[in-house]
């Protein structure tokens, strides 16, 4: 009878311990699921950030490739204008010299 009580008590203790372990396991499984969901969300967010960054880079490259020829045209135009201005200044200086010589002759 005493042994039966002792066995019943041990069974009850083991059953209680088993329930605690089962609860702990359920908590761990739930935590793992939450972590998995969070990791999945982080992966999706990272993918969106990377996609946005790549799109931004492509836009920058496109803009740079579009602006480069425009810049070259502007530089050529500026160079041509500088050459015309330099030629004009030379002609003006030459005419001023010629006018000064004519003045001295008169």
PDB file of N, CA and C in Angstrom:
ATOM      1  N   UNK A   1       0.819  -1.197   0.000  1.00  0.00           N
ATOM      2  CA  UNK A   1       0.000   0.000   0.000  1.00  0.00           C
ATOM      3  C   UNK A   1       0.859   1.254   0.000  1.00  0.00           C
ATOM      4  N   UNK A   2       1.895   1.199   0.858  1.00  0.00           N
ATOM      5  CA  UNK A   2       2.831   2.315   0.939  1.00  0.00           C
ATOM      6  C   UNK A   2       3.588   2.458  -0.371  1.00  0.00           C
ATOM      7  N   UNK A   3       3.955   1.318  -0.930  1.00  0.00           N
ATOM      8  CA  UNK A   3       4.679   1.326  -2.208  1.00  0.00           C
ATOM      9  C   UNK A   3       3.792   1.854  -3.317  1.00  0.00           C
ATOM     10  N   UNK A   4       2.541   1.505  -3.269  1.00  0.00           N
ATOM     11  CA  UNK A   4       1.601   1.969  -4.282  1.00  0.00           C
ATOM     12  C   UNK A   4       1.469   3.487  -4.193  1.00  0.00           C
ATOM     13  N   UNK A   5       1.352   4.004  -2.966  1.00  0.00           N
ATOM     14  CA  UNK A   5       1.271   5.453  -2.777  1.00  0.00           C
ATOM     15  C   UNK A   5       2.529   6.125  -3.299  1.00  0.00           C
ATOM     16  N   UNK A   6       3.675   5.525  -2.965  1.00  0.00           N
ATOM     17  CA  UNK A   6       4.952   6.080  -3.425  1.00  0.00           C
ATOM     18  C   UNK A   6       5.015   6.087  -4.954  1.00  0.00           C
ATOM     19  N   UNK A   7       4.594   5.005  -5.578  1.00  0.00           N
ATOM     20  CA  UNK A   7       4.586   4.913  -7.048  1.00  0.00           C
ATOM     21  C   UNK A   7       3.623   5.929  -7.641  1.00  0.00           C
ATOM     22  N   UNK A   8       2.428   6.058  -7.015  1.00  0.00           N
ATOM     23  CA  UNK A   8       1.459   7.036  -7.510  1.00  0.00           C
ATOM     24  C   UNK A   8       2.020   8.457  -7.417  1.00  0.00           C
ATOM     25  N   UNK A   9       2.723   8.725  -6.326  1.00  0.00           N
ATOM     26  CA  UNK A   9       3.322  10.053  -6.139  1.00  0.00           C
ATOM     27  C   UNK A   9       4.407  10.291  -7.197  1.00  0.00           C
ATOM     28  N   UNK A  10       5.219   9.288  -7.422  1.00  0.00           N
ATOM     29  CA  UNK A  10       6.251   9.423  -8.454  1.00  0.00           C
ATOM     30  C   UNK A  10       5.630   9.627  -9.826  1.00  0.00           C
ATOM     31  N   UNK A  11       4.571   8.879 -10.097  1.00  0.00           N
ATOM     32  CA  UNK A  11       3.872   9.024 -11.382  1.00  0.00           C
ATOM     33  C   UNK A  11       3.327  10.434 -11.507  1.00  0.00           C
ATOM     34  N   UNK A  12       2.734  10.935 -10.406  1.00  0.00           N
ATOM     35  CA  UNK A  12       2.195  12.291 -10.424  1.00  0.00           C
ATOM     36  C   UNK A  12       3.319  13.313 -10.666  1.00  0.00           C
ATOM     37  N   UNK A  13       4.462  13.154  -9.996  1.00  0.00           N
ATOM     38  CA  UNK A  13       5.605  14.061 -10.165  1.00  0.00           C
ATOM     39  C   UNK A  13       6.129  13.996 -11.603  1.00  0.00           C
ATOM     40  N   UNK A  14       6.244  12.793 -12.122  1.00  0.00           N
ATOM     41  CA  UNK A  14       6.720  12.631 -13.493  1.00  0.00           C
ATOM     42  C   UNK A  14       5.721  13.239 -14.489  1.00  0.00           C
ATOM     43  N   UNK A  15       4.448  13.053 -14.199  1.00  0.00           N
ATOM     44  CA  UNK A  15       3.420  13.631 -15.057  1.00  0.00           C
ATOM     45  C   UNK A  15       3.497  15.163 -15.027  1.00  0.00           C
ATOM     46  N   UNK A  16       3.664  15.732 -13.831  1.00  0.00           N
ATOM     47  CA  UNK A  16       3.815  17.192 -13.690  1.00  0.00           C
ATOM     48  C   UNK A  16       5.054  17.671 -14.453  1.00  0.00           C
ATOM     49  N   UNK A  17       6.140  16.948 -14.289  1.00  0.00           N
ATOM     50  CA  UNK A  17       7.385  17.311 -14.982  1.00  0.00           C
ATOM     51  C   UNK A  17       7.191  17.211 -16.498  1.00  0.00           C
ATOM     52  N   UNK A  18       6.501  16.168 -16.935  1.00  0.00           N
ATOM     53  CA  UNK A  18       6.226  15.989 -18.360  1.00  0.00           C
ATOM     54  C   UNK A  18       5.389  17.157 -18.900  1.00  0.00           C
ATOM     55  N   UNK A  19       4.400  17.590 -18.123  1.00  0.00           N
ATOM     56  CA  UNK A  19       3.586  18.741 -18.530  1.00  0.00           C
ATOM     57  C   UNK A  19       4.436  20.012 -18.628  1.00  0.00           C
ATOM     58  N   UNK A  20       5.332  20.208 -17.660  1.00  0.00           N
ATOM     59  CA  UNK A  20       6.225  21.379 -17.681  1.00  0.00           C
ATOM     60  C   UNK A  20       7.122  21.349 -18.921  1.00  0.00           C
ATOM     61  N   UNK A  21       7.670  20.175 -19.194  1.00  0.00           N
ATOM     62  CA  UNK A  21       8.535  20.019 -20.365  1.00  0.00           C
ATOM     63  C   UNK A  21       7.726  20.277 -21.639  1.00  0.00           C
ATOM     64  N   UNK A  22       6.511  19.764 -21.673  1.00  0.00           N
ATOM     65  CA  UNK A  22       5.637  19.967 -22.839  1.00  0.00           C
ATOM     66  C   UNK A  22       5.353  21.466 -23.031  1.00  0.00           C
ATOM     67  N   UNK A  23       5.084  22.165 -21.920  1.00  0.00           N
ATOM     68  CA  UNK A  23       4.851  23.613 -21.994  1.00  0.00           C
ATOM     69  C   UNK A  23       6.105  24.343 -22.485  1.00  0.00           C
ATOM     70  N   UNK A  24       7.248  23.995 -21.920  1.00  0.00           N
ATOM     71  CA  UNK A  24       8.513  24.611 -22.340  1.00  0.00           C
ATOM     72  C   UNK A  24       8.754  24.389 -23.832  1.00  0.00           C
ATOM     73  N   UNK A  25       8.478  23.177 -24.282  1.00  0.00           N
ATOM     74  CA  UNK A  25       8.654  22.841 -25.695  1.00  0.00           C
ATOM     75  C   UNK A  25       7.715  23.673 -26.566  1.00  0.00           C
ATOM     76  N   UNK A  26       6.471  23.833 -26.124  1.00  0.00           N
ATOM     77  CA  UNK A  26       5.496  24.632 -26.872  1.00  0.00           C
ATOM     78  C   UNK A  26       5.960  26.086 -26.967  1.00  0.00           C
ATOM     79  N   UNK A  27       6.501  26.605 -25.862  1.00  0.00           N
ATOM     80  CA  UNK A  27       7.021  27.981 -25.851  1.00  0.00           C
ATOM     81  C   UNK A  27       8.204  28.101 -26.815  1.00  0.00           C
ATOM     82  N   UNK A  28       9.098  27.115 -26.791  1.00  0.00           N
ATOM     83  CA  UNK A  28      10.259  27.144 -27.685  1.00  0.00           C
ATOM     84  C   UNK A  28       9.838  27.075 -29.150  1.00  0.00           C
ATOM     85  N   UNK A  29       8.879  26.202 -29.457  1.00  0.00           N
ATOM     86  CA  UNK A  29       8.398  26.077 -30.832  1.00  0.00           C
ATOM     87  C   UNK A  29       7.752  27.385 -31.278  1.00  0.00           C
ATOM     88  N   UNK A  30       6.969  27.991 -30.398  1.00  0.00           N
ATOM     89  CA  UNK A  30       6.318  29.262 -30.719  1.00  0.00           C
ATOM     90  C   UNK A  30       7.370  30.353 -30.946  1.00  0.00           C
ATOM     91  N   UNK A  31       8.384  30.378 -30.099  1.00  0.00           N
ATOM     92  CA  UNK A  31       9.470  31.361 -30.259  1.00  0.00           C
ATOM     93  C   UNK A  31      10.203  31.159 -31.575  1.00  0.00           C
ATOM     94  N   UNK A  32      10.453  29.908 -31.924  1.00  0.00           N
ATOM     95  CA  UNK A  32      11.126  29.602 -33.192  1.00  0.00           C
ATOM     96  C   UNK A  32      10.300  30.083 -34.377  1.00  0.00           C
ATOM     97  N   UNK A  33       8.975  29.856 -34.301  1.00  0.00           N
ATOM     98  CA  UNK A  33       8.096  30.307 -35.385  1.00  0.00           C
ATOM     99  C   UNK A  33       8.145  31.826 -35.506  1.00  0.00           C
ATOM    100  N   UNK A  34       8.091  32.504 -34.361  1.00  0.00           N
ATOM    101  CA  UNK A  34       8.150  33.978 -34.372  1.00  0.00           C
ATOM    102  C   UNK A  34       9.476  34.454 -34.963  1.00  0.00           C
ATOM    103  N   UNK A  35      10.560  33.796 -34.560  1.00  0.00           N
ATOM    104  CA  UNK A  35      11.875  34.160 -35.119  1.00  0.00           C
ATOM    105  C   UNK A  35      11.906  33.934 -36.627  1.00  0.00           C
ATOM    106  N   UNK A  36      11.345  32.811 -37.057  1.00  0.00           N
ATOM    107  CA  UNK A  36      11.309  32.512 -38.497  1.00  0.00           C
ATOM    108  C   UNK A  36      10.524  33.582 -39.254  1.00  0.00           C
ATOM    109  N   UNK A  37       9.378  33.988 -38.688  1.00  0.00           N
ATOM    110  CA  UNK A  37       8.574  35.035 -39.323  1.00  0.00           C
ATOM    111  C   UNK A  37       9.348  36.343 -39.373  1.00  0.00           C
ATOM    112  N   UNK A  38      10.022  36.686 -38.269  1.00  0.00           N
ATOM    113  CA  UNK A  38      10.806  37.925 -38.232  1.00  0.00           C
ATOM    114  C   UNK A  38      11.951  37.879 -39.249  1.00  0.00           C
ATOM    115  N   UNK A  39      12.616  36.747 -39.331  1.00  0.00           N
ATOM    116  CA  UNK A  39      13.712  36.600 -40.298  1.00  0.00           C
ATOM    117  C   UNK A  39      13.175  36.735 -41.712  1.00  0.00           C
ATOM    118  N   UNK A  40      12.037  36.126 -41.970  1.00  0.00           N
ATOM    119  CA  UNK A  40      11.427  36.222 -43.299  1.00  0.00           C
ATOM    120  C   UNK A  40      11.082  37.680 -43.622  1.00  0.00           C
ATOM    121  N   UNK A  41      10.523  38.400 -42.639  1.00  0.00           N
ATOM    122  CA  UNK A  41      10.198  39.816 -42.851  1.00  0.00           C
ATOM    123  C   UNK A  41      11.463  40.637 -43.099  1.00  0.00           C
ATOM    124  N   UNK A  42      12.509  40.351 -42.340  1.00  0.00           N
ATOM    125  CA  UNK A  42      13.779  41.057 -42.535  1.00  0.00           C
ATOM    126  C   UNK A  42      14.356  40.772 -43.919  1.00  0.00           C
ATOM    127  N   UNK A  43      14.259  39.522 -44.348  1.00  0.00           N
ATOM    128  CA  UNK A  43      14.736  39.158 -45.686  1.00  0.00           C
ATOM    129  C   UNK A  43      13.972  39.918 -46.762  1.00  0.00           C
ATOM    130  N   UNK A  44      12.642  40.009 -46.597  1.00  0.00           N
ATOM    131  CA  UNK A  44      11.828  40.733 -47.573  1.00  0.00           C
ATOM    132  C   UNK A  44      12.189  42.217 -47.574  1.00  0.00           C
ATOM    133  N   UNK A  45      12.358  42.775 -46.385  1.00  0.00           N
ATOM    134  CA  UNK A  45      12.723  44.196 -46.280  1.00  0.00           C
ATOM    135  C   UNK A  45      14.082  44.435 -46.914  1.00  0.00           C
ATOM    136  N   UNK A  46      15.034  43.566 -46.628  1.00  0.00           N
ATOM    137  CA  UNK A  46      16.363  43.694 -47.215  1.00  0.00           C
ATOM    138  C   UNK A  46      16.299  43.597 -48.734  1.00  0.00           C
ATOM    139  N   UNK A  47      15.501  42.675 -49.234  1.00  0.00           N
ATOM    140  CA  UNK A  47      15.354  42.517 -50.683  1.00  0.00           C
ATOM    141  C   UNK A  47      14.785  43.795 -51.303  1.00  0.00           C
ATOM    142  N   UNK A  48      13.807  44.412 -50.627  1.00  0.00           N
ATOM    143  CA  UNK A  48      13.242  45.662 -51.133  1.00  0.00           C
ATOM    144  C   UNK A  48      14.274  46.776 -51.123  1.00  0.00           C
ATOM    145  N   UNK A  49      15.059  46.840 -50.057  1.00  0.00           N
ATOM    146  CA  UNK A  49      16.106  47.873 -49.963  1.00  0.00           C
ATOM    147  C   UNK A  49      17.128  47.671 -51.071  1.00  0.00           C
ATOM    148  N   UNK A  50      17.563  46.436 -51.266  1.00  0.00           N
ATOM    149  CA  UNK A  50      18.550  46.134 -52.310  1.00  0.00           C
ATOM    150  C   UNK A  50      17.972  46.448 -53.688  1.00  0.00           C
ATOM    151  N   UNK A  51      16.700  46.090 -53.902  1.00  0.00           N
ATOM    152  CA  UNK A  51      16.050  46.373 -55.183  1.00  0.00           C
ATOM    153  C   UNK A  51      15.978  47.889 -55.425  1.00  0.00           C
ATOM    154  N   UNK A  52      15.607  48.633 -54.377  1.00  0.00           N
ATOM    155  CA  UNK A  52      15.553  50.094 -54.494  1.00  0.00           C
ATOM    156  C   UNK A  52      16.921  50.678 -54.776  1.00  0.00           C
ATOM    157  N   UNK A  53      17.934  50.156 -54.105  1.00  0.00           N
ATOM    158  CA  UNK A  53      19.299  50.646 -54.307  1.00  0.00           C
ATOM    159  C   UNK A  53      19.760  50.363 -55.745  1.00  0.00           C
ATOM    160  N   UNK A  54      19.481  49.151 -56.232  1.00  0.00           N
ATOM    161  CA  UNK A  54      19.872  48.808 -57.605  1.00  0.00           C
ATOM    162  C   UNK A  54      19.148  49.697 -58.612  1.00  0.00           C
ATOM    163  N   UNK A  55      17.852  49.946 -58.364  1.00  0.00           N
ATOM    164  CA  UNK A  55      17.084  50.810 -59.255  1.00  0.00           C
ATOM    165  C   UNK A  55      17.675  52.224 -59.244  1.00  0.00           C
ATOM    166  N   UNK A  56      18.037  52.688 -58.046  1.00  0.00           N
ATOM    167  CA  UNK A  56      18.656  54.009 -57.912  1.00  0.00           C
ATOM    168  C   UNK A  56      19.983  54.068 -58.681  1.00  0.00           C
ATOM    169  N   UNK A  57      20.767  53.018 -58.557  1.00  0.00           N
ATOM    170  CA  UNK A  57      22.046  52.948 -59.285  1.00  0.00           C
ATOM    171  C   UNK A  57      21.811  52.968 -60.796  1.00  0.00           C
ATOM    172  N   UNK A  58      20.813  52.200 -61.256  1.00  0.00           N
ATOM    173  CA  UNK A  58      20.499  52.173 -62.692  1.00  0.00           C
ATOM    174  C   UNK A  58      20.064  53.556 -63.174  1.00  0.00           C
ATOM    175  N   UNK A  59      19.244  54.225 -62.359  1.00  0.00           N
ATOM    176  CA  UNK A  59      18.808  55.575 -62.720  1.00  0.00           C
ATOM    177  C   UNK A  59      20.005  56.522 -62.807  1.00  0.00           C
ATOM    178  N   UNK A  60      20.926  56.394 -61.851  1.00  0.00           N
ATOM    179  CA  UNK A  60      22.130  57.229 -61.874  1.00  0.00           C
ATOM    180  C   UNK A  60      22.979  56.955 -63.115  1.00  0.00           C
ATOM    181  N   UNK A  61      23.129  55.675 -63.451  1.00  0.00           N
ATOM    182  CA  UNK A  61      23.912  55.323 -64.634  1.00  0.00           C
ATOM    183  C   UNK A  61      23.242  55.855 -65.901  1.00  0.00           C
ATOM    184  N   UNK A  62      21.929  55.724 -65.968  1.00  0.00           N
ATOM    185  CA  UNK A  62      21.195  56.225 -67.124  1.00  0.00           C
ATOM    186  C   UNK A  62      21.335  57.737 -67.226  1.00  0.00           C
ATOM    187  N   UNK A  63      21.196  58.410 -66.095  1.00  0.00           N
ATOM    188  CA  UNK A  63      21.328  59.863 -66.097  1.00  0.00           C
ATOM    189  C   UNK A  63      22.739  60.275 -66.514  1.00  0.00           C
ATOM    190  N   UNK A  64      23.736  59.580 -65.989  1.00  0.00           N
ATOM    191  CA  UNK A  64      25.119  59.890 -66.333  1.00  0.00           C
ATOM    192  C   UNK A  64      25.369  59.658 -67.824  1.00  0.00           C
ATOM    193  N   UNK A  65      24.830  58.559 -68.355  1.00  0.00           N
ATOM    194  CA  UNK A  65      25.041  58.266 -69.776  1.00  0.00           C
ATOM    195  C   UNK A  65      24.277  59.261 -70.653  1.00  0.00           C
ATOM    196  N   UNK A  66      23.164  59.781 -70.146  1.00  0.00           N
ATOM    197  CA  UNK A  66      22.404  60.782 -70.888  1.00  0.00           C
ATOM    198  C   UNK A  66      23.100  62.140 -70.835  1.00  0.00           C
ATOM    199  N   UNK A  67      23.633  62.467 -69.661  1.00  0.00           N
ATOM    200  CA  UNK A  67      24.240  63.785 -69.483  1.00  0.00           C
ATOM    201  C   UNK A  67      25.637  63.894 -70.100  1.00  0.00           C
ATOM    202  N   UNK A  68      26.333  62.771 -70.229  1.00  0.00           N
ATOM    203  CA  UNK A  68      27.700  62.814 -70.754  1.00  0.00           C
ATOM    204  C   UNK A  68      27.750  63.398 -72.168  1.00  0.00           C
ATOM    205  N   UNK A  69      26.945  62.910 -73.107  1.00  0.00           N
ATOM    206  CA  UNK A  69      26.989  63.505 -74.445  1.00  0.00           C
ATOM    207  C   UNK A  69      26.575  64.984 -74.422  1.00  0.00           C
ATOM    208  N   UNK A  70      25.587  65.298 -73.572  1.00  0.00           N
ATOM    209  CA  UNK A  70      25.157  66.689 -73.454  1.00  0.00           C
ATOM    210  C   UNK A  70      26.307  67.565 -72.965  1.00  0.00           C
ATOM    211  N   UNK A  71      27.030  67.053 -71.982  1.00  0.00           N
ATOM    212  CA  UNK A  71      28.174  67.788 -71.435  1.00  0.00           C
ATOM    213  C   UNK A  71      29.247  67.984 -72.506  1.00  0.00           C
ATOM    214  N   UNK A  72      29.490  66.928 -73.273  1.00  0.00           N
ATOM    215  CA  UNK A  72      30.495  67.028 -74.336  1.00  0.00           C
ATOM    216  C   UNK A  72      30.091  68.076 -75.370  1.00  0.00           C
ATOM    217  N   UNK A  73      28.806  68.115 -75.719  1.00  0.00           N
ATOM    218  CA  UNK A  73      28.315  69.126 -76.676  1.00  0.00           C
ATOM    219  C   UNK A  73      28.518  70.515 -76.093  1.00  0.00           C
ATOM    220  N   UNK A  74      28.175  70.675 -74.807  1.00  0.00           N
ATOM    221  CA  UNK A  74      28.346  71.982 -74.163  1.00  0.00           C
ATOM    222  C   UNK A  74      29.819  72.384 -74.107  1.00  0.00           C
ATOM    223  N   UNK A  75      30.685  71.429 -73.823  1.00  0.00           N
ATOM    224  CA  UNK A  75      32.116  71.725 -73.781  1.00  0.00           C
ATOM    225  C   UNK A  75      32.629  72.131 -75.161  1.00  0.00           C
ATOM    226  N   UNK A  76      32.192  71.435 -76.203  1.00  0.00           N
ATOM    227  CA  UNK A  76      32.600  71.783 -77.565  1.00  0.00           C
ATOM    228  C   UNK A  76      32.099  73.177 -77.936  1.00  0.00           C
ATOM    229  N   UNK A  77      30.859  73.458 -77.568  1.00  0.00           N
ATOM    230  CA  UNK A  77      30.279  74.764 -77.850  1.00  0.00           C
ATOM    231  C   UNK A  77      31.056  75.858 -77.124  1.00  0.00           C
ATOM    232  N   UNK A  78      31.374  75.604 -75.877  1.00  0.00           N
ATOM    233  CA  UNK A  78      32.148  76.577 -75.087  1.00  0.00           C
ATOM    234  C   UNK A  78      33.532  76.792 -75.698  1.00  0.00           C
ATOM    235  N   UNK A  79      34.160  75.695 -76.113  1.00  0.00           N
ATOM    236  CA  UNK A  79      35.485  75.787 -76.731  1.00  0.00           C
ATOM    237  C   UNK A  79      35.418  76.616 -78.014  1.00  0.00           C
ATOM    238  N   UNK A  80      34.402  76.365 -78.837  1.00  0.00           N
ATOM    239  CA  UNK A  80      34.223  77.105 -80.082  1.00  0.00           C
ATOM    240  C   UNK A  80      33.994  78.586 -79.793  1.00  0.00           C
ATOM    241  N   UNK A  81      33.178  78.882 -78.788  1.00  0.00           N
ATOM    242  CA  UNK A  81      32.921  80.270 -78.418  1.00  0.00           C
ATOM    243  C   UNK A  81      34.204  80.949 -77.925  1.00  0.00           C
ATOM    244  N   UNK A  82      35.001  80.219 -77.179  1.00  0.00           N
ATOM    245  CA  UNK A  82      36.281  80.762 -76.699  1.00  0.00           C
ATOM    246  C   UNK A  82      37.204  81.077 -77.885  1.00  0.00           C
ATOM    247  N   UNK A  83      37.227  80.158 -78.860  1.00  0.00           N
ATOM    248  CA  UNK A  83      38.058  80.381 -80.049  1.00  0.00           C
ATOM    249  C   UNK A  83      37.574  81.602 -80.819  1.00  0.00           C
ATOM    250  N   UNK A  84      36.258  81.743 -80.994  1.00  0.00           N
ATOM    251  CA  UNK A  84      35.701  82.904 -81.696  1.00  0.00           C
ATOM    252  C   UNK A  84      36.032  84.183 -80.946  1.00  0.00           C
ATOM    253  N   UNK A  85      35.875  84.145 -79.622  1.00  0.00           N
ATOM    254  CA  UNK A  85      36.188  85.322 -78.800  1.00  0.00           C
ATOM    255  C   UNK A  85      37.662  85.676 -78.913  1.00  0.00           C
ATOM    256  N   UNK A  86      38.531  84.690 -78.880  1.00  0.00           N
ATOM    257  CA  UNK A  86      39.968  84.936 -79.004  1.00  0.00           C
ATOM    258  C   UNK A  86      40.286  85.542 -80.365  1.00  0.00           C
ATOM    259  N   UNK A  87      39.678  84.997 -81.427  1.00  0.00           N
ATOM    260  CA  UNK A  87      39.879  85.526 -82.775  1.00  0.00           C
ATOM    261  C   UNK A  87      39.389  86.970 -82.853  1.00  0.00           C
ATOM    262  N   UNK A  88      38.228  87.235 -82.268  1.00  0.00           N
ATOM    263  CA  UNK A  88      37.670  88.583 -82.256  1.00  0.00           C
ATOM    264  C   UNK A  88      38.604  89.542 -81.519  1.00  0.00           C
ATOM    265  N   UNK A  89      39.131  89.097 -80.383  1.00  0.00           N
ATOM    266  CA  UNK A  89      40.059  89.947 -79.614  1.00  0.00           C
ATOM    267  C   UNK A  89      41.327  90.236 -80.423  1.00  0.00           C
ATOM    268  N   UNK A  90      41.822  89.227 -81.157  1.00  0.00           N
ATOM    269  CA  UNK A  90      43.018  89.438 -81.991  1.00  0.00           C
ATOM    270  C   UNK A  90      42.721  90.451 -83.092  1.00  0.00           C
ATOM    271  N   UNK A  91      41.569  90.263 -83.752  1.00  0.00           N
ATOM    272  CA  UNK A  91      41.196  91.204 -84.824  1.00  0.00           C
ATOM    273  C   UNK A  91      41.016  92.603 -84.275  1.00  0.00           C
ATOM    274  N   UNK A  92      40.394  92.720 -83.123  1.00  0.00           N
ATOM    275  CA  UNK A  92      40.176  94.018 -82.495  1.00  0.00           C
ATOM    276  C   UNK A  92      41.510  94.661 -82.140  1.00  0.00           C
ATOM    277  N   UNK A  93      42.438  93.888 -81.603  1.00  0.00           N
ATOM    278  CA  UNK A  93      43.761  94.417 -81.254  1.00  0.00           C
ATOM    279  C   UNK A  93      44.500  94.846 -82.521  1.00  0.00           C
ATOM    280  N   UNK A  94      44.367  94.042 -83.577  1.00  0.00           N
ATOM    281  CA  UNK A  94      45.027  94.364 -84.847  1.00  0.00           C
ATOM    282  C   UNK A  94      44.454  95.663 -85.427  1.00  0.00           C
ATOM    283  N   UNK A  95      43.135  95.807 -85.407  1.00  0.00           N
ATOM    284  CA  UNK A  95      42.500  97.022 -85.925  1.00  0.00           C
ATOM    285  C   UNK A  95      42.875  98.235 -85.085  1.00  0.00           C
ATOM    286  N   UNK A  96      42.974  98.013 -83.774  1.00  0.00           N
ATOM    287  CA  UNK A  96      43.363  99.118 -82.897  1.00  0.00           C
ATOM    288  C   UNK A  96      44.782  99.545 -83.233  1.00  0.00           C
ATOM    289  N   UNK A  97      45.651  98.581 -83.496  1.00  0.00           N
ATOM    290  CA  UNK A  97      47.040  98.895 -83.868  1.00  0.00           C
ATOM    291  C   UNK A  97      47.056  99.628 -85.201  1.00  0.00           C
ATOM    292  N   UNK A  98      46.276  99.142 -86.161  1.00  0.00           N
ATOM    293  CA  UNK A  98      46.207  99.798 -87.475  1.00  0.00           C
ATOM    294  C   UNK A  98      45.665 101.220 -87.352  1.00  0.00           C
ATOM    295  N   UNK A  99      44.661 101.409 -86.513  1.00  0.00           N
ATOM    296  CA  UNK A  99      44.090 102.746 -86.316  1.00  0.00           C
ATOM    297  C   UNK A  99      45.105 103.666 -85.679  1.00  0.00           C
ATOM    298  N   UNK A 100      45.874 103.122 -84.749  1.00  0.00           N
ATOM    299  CA  UNK A 100      46.908 103.928 -84.085  1.00  0.00           C
ATOM    300  C   UNK A 100      47.980 104.338 -85.091  1.00  0.00           C
ATOM    301  N   UNK A 101      48.351 103.424 -85.986  1.00  0.00           N
ATOM    302  CA  UNK A 101      49.357 103.743 -87.015  1.00  0.00           C
ATOM    303  C   UNK A 101      48.832 104.818 -87.964  1.00  0.00           C
ATOM    304  N   UNK A 102      47.559 104.682 -88.365  1.00  0.00           N
ATOM    305  CA  UNK A 102      46.962 105.692 -89.268  1.00  0.00           C
ATOM    306  C   UNK A 102      46.917 107.048 -88.590  1.00  0.00           C
ATOM    307  N   UNK A 103      46.630 107.043 -87.308  1.00  0.00           N
ATOM    308  CA  UNK A 103      46.584 108.293 -86.557  1.00  0.00           C
ATOM    309  C   UNK A 103      47.932 108.971 -86.545  1.00  0.00           C
ATOM    310  N   UNK A 104      48.989 108.156 -86.389  1.00  0.00           N
ATOM    311  CA  UNK A 104      50.338 108.702 -86.347  1.00  0.00           C
ATOM    312  C   UNK A 104      50.754 109.230 -87.729  1.00  0.00           C
ATOM    313  N   UNK A 105      50.237 108.628 -88.795  1.00  0.00           N
ATOM    314  CA  UNK A 105      50.568 109.059 -90.137  1.00  0.00           C
ATOM    315  C   UNK A 105      49.858 110.391 -90.465  1.00  0.00           C
ATOM    316  N   UNK A 106      48.723 110.597 -89.911  1.00  0.00           N
ATOM    317  CA  UNK A 106      47.948 111.796 -90.247  1.00  0.00           C
ATOM    318  C   UNK A 106      48.407 112.976 -89.481  1.00  0.00           C
TER     319      UNK A 106
END
